[in-house]
């Protein structure tokens, strides 16, 4: 059985991109316990 490396690479990139987009939407919709802003100190 041969593995199509191009297909595996494309599916990996697609899945990582979908996870990153989903994480971004989750943070923006406040469904995840993270904030989208970076809290700098007043100094």
C-alpha atoms as a PDB file:
ATOM      1  CA  UNK A   1       0.000   0.000   0.000  1.00  0.00           C
ATOM      2  CA  UNK A   2       1.495   3.330  -1.015  1.00  0.00           C
ATOM      3  CA  UNK A   3       0.832   6.610   0.738  1.00  0.00           C
ATOM      4  CA  UNK A   4       0.077   9.670  -1.344  1.00  0.00           C
ATOM      5  CA  UNK A   5       2.267  12.246   0.419  1.00  0.00           C
ATOM      6  CA  UNK A   6       0.657  15.192  -1.357  1.00  0.00           C
ATOM      7  CA  UNK A   7      -2.803  14.157  -0.195  1.00  0.00           C
ATOM      8  CA  UNK A   8      -1.638  13.593   3.381  1.00  0.00           C
ATOM      9  CA  UNK A   9       0.082  16.974   3.451  1.00  0.00           C
ATOM     10  CA  UNK A  10      -2.974  18.731   2.018  1.00  0.00           C
ATOM     11  CA  UNK A  11      -5.302  17.090   4.558  1.00  0.00           C
ATOM     12  CA  UNK A  12      -2.937  18.000   7.409  1.00  0.00           C
ATOM     13  CA  UNK A  13      -2.763  21.652   6.349  1.00  0.00           C
ATOM     14  CA  UNK A  14      -6.533  21.764   5.883  1.00  0.00           C
ATOM     15  CA  UNK A  15      -7.226  20.271   9.310  1.00  0.00           C
ATOM     16  CA  UNK A  16      -4.769  22.587  11.088  1.00  0.00           C
ATOM     17  CA  UNK A  17      -6.279  25.594   9.312  1.00  0.00           C
ATOM     18  CA  UNK A  18      -9.792  24.544  10.326  1.00  0.00           C
ATOM     19  CA  UNK A  19      -8.688  24.116  13.936  1.00  0.00           C
ATOM     20  CA  UNK A  20      -7.048  27.553  13.958  1.00  0.00           C
ATOM     21  CA  UNK A  21     -10.131  29.224  12.459  1.00  0.00           C
ATOM     22  CA  UNK A  22     -12.389  27.422  14.924  1.00  0.00           C
ATOM     23  CA  UNK A  23     -10.172  28.485  17.817  1.00  0.00           C
ATOM     24  CA  UNK A  24     -10.278  32.094  16.622  1.00  0.00           C
ATOM     25  CA  UNK A  25     -14.063  32.082  16.352  1.00  0.00           C
ATOM     26  CA  UNK A  26     -14.325  30.429  19.769  1.00  0.00           C
ATOM     27  CA  UNK A  27     -12.206  33.117  21.390  1.00  0.00           C
ATOM     28  CA  UNK A  28     -14.068  35.900  19.590  1.00  0.00           C
ATOM     29  CA  UNK A  29     -17.456  34.487  20.597  1.00  0.00           C
ATOM     30  CA  UNK A  30     -16.172  34.132  24.198  1.00  0.00           C
ATOM     31  CA  UNK A  31     -16.888  30.406  24.244  1.00  0.00           C
ATOM     32  CA  UNK A  32     -13.302  29.645  25.247  1.00  0.00           C
ATOM     33  CA  UNK A  33     -11.704  30.861  28.486  1.00  0.00           C
ATOM     34  CA  UNK A  34      -9.204  33.078  26.660  1.00  0.00           C
ATOM     35  CA  UNK A  35      -9.323  36.723  25.667  1.00  0.00           C
ATOM     36  CA  UNK A  36      -8.542  38.078  22.236  1.00  0.00           C
ATOM     37  CA  UNK A  37      -6.733  41.129  23.646  1.00  0.00           C
ATOM     38  CA  UNK A  38      -3.298  41.258  25.181  1.00  0.00           C
ATOM     39  CA  UNK A  39      -3.427  42.914  28.599  1.00  0.00           C
ATOM     40  CA  UNK A  40      -0.455  45.221  28.898  1.00  0.00           C
ATOM     41  CA  UNK A  41       0.276  46.879  32.206  1.00  0.00           C
ATOM     42  CA  UNK A  42      -0.141  50.617  32.715  1.00  0.00           C
ATOM     43  CA  UNK A  43       3.639  51.157  32.900  1.00  0.00           C
END
